[in-house]
């Protein structure tokens, strides 16, 4: 679902019922008390890590070269017909799916690993599923296979940087025959059907969760947890219990706090969690809804939706910009900035840049300094479909797009800052966009900016439908300077990579609807 669609959904939440308000009040008071108590019962994870007492890190020394990012986290290797056989009974794991579009899925992966760090667990990562955010997917008949996490990111480097093992689902269990992973052959072992109880954040952020079965307020049937596509490919049936209603963000499109989630699962057992789970069956029964067949389990903690999380409780994207009220906090600081590209993918992308600039190509050859630009347009216009007539009448940008001149002005500002602060004078500007219209692309080229021609490079024919988007993402991160589109998660990540990896300077072009305050 797009961010605009999610915002529209959140804006139409019904008012809570009195009975629910009493439950929330009691739960809220209890939860605040326990939040104050938890730090006294369990030392911060950072202290346990630094003291070497973490049950996770004690199995991972970080000495020498890793064979796999999962070293120390499994009792056996090789895909089985079930996902539990390879797991250690003496360790705890955290698992969540991807289902929000390419860049948002990257953020969800980092959020999962960050939460695993906070709760002293080992993350289990699903492959990235295809989505319509991939530029060259135009219909259901041309959907590429899912792509392993370590085909995109250097997982061994990440694991060593953050000090915990990282497990991929593809190490644990085989997939159904019709859904092989990109670059992998089919397994001879067939996956068995499995079940898992998990928590749902999605349920408490959807208005239909608060109505009874059959109520006229419900436009659709009461919502269940958000299933990820990958569960089906691995034949895993989830049963969702909603997170405590007190975790529901106070405002629409605001984040669930990492501190709340981590406190819920520590210490173990947690008296608040035990009490809450004991009340769940009665709550479902009172609303004529089926009680989940399985309660969430502790060994493998499954949570359905880890996109909109944050440290400050406001829009979770603010943590990723590093320019929110809390500054540089959250999953980018602990995980994201260590998620470096797979070496082969990075070198491939450098070749695209060298050829685009017309300089000598060859593995290991230098890439000239340049400013990268990300122009987000393709689905931004959909935001205007959700505006009221009054908002449309007052909109400066009637079609919700930002003028190309605004991007050019930002590029000039970045050039000036690079010259003044770094003594750098990039010769090239390389732009990427999800806009397909030839008229607009011609306007970009008229500025003297260079664009990668994936049709000419035959990227899809050589490497597959994933690679135009992957290569563009890598190229954006390689700039000495960067200009992007405010609010776009692809721009947010590209800017942080340019600033933190390259010591570069980045700016965003502000937009009236869908942007982030302070992001420009």
Foldseek 3Di string as FASTA:
>chain_A
DDPLVLLLQLVLFDDFDPVVVVVLVVLVVVLVVLLVVQCVVDPFLVVCVVVVNQPFLVQPPLPDADPALQRSQFPDWDAALDQPNGGDPVAAEEEEADDHADLLSVLLVLLRVQLCSRQSHEYEYEFAAFDPNQLPDDDPVAGDATEHLCQWFVSRQLSSVLRGGHHYSVGGHAFAPVHDHPPDDHDPHHHDAEEAEAEEQVLLSGNLNRAAAPDPSDPDGRDAGDDHPVCNRSNYHYFYDYDPNNQHQPGRLWARESSSVSSCPPPPVDVSVVVVVVCRVVVCVVRVHDDTPDHHDGRYHYYYDRRQYDHPRGNRCCCLLLQDPVGNDDSCVSRVLSGHTNPVLLQVLLQLQCVLVVHDGDGPDDRAAEEEEEAEDDCQLVSLVPDDPVCCVPFPPNSQHDDPVLQVVQVVVQQVCCCVPPVDHGPAYEYDYSDDDPVVVVVVVVVVHTYRDCVVVVCCVVRHSNNVVSSSLSVLLPHLEYEYAAQDSSRSSSQCSNCVVVVHYYAYRYTDPNGDPRRD
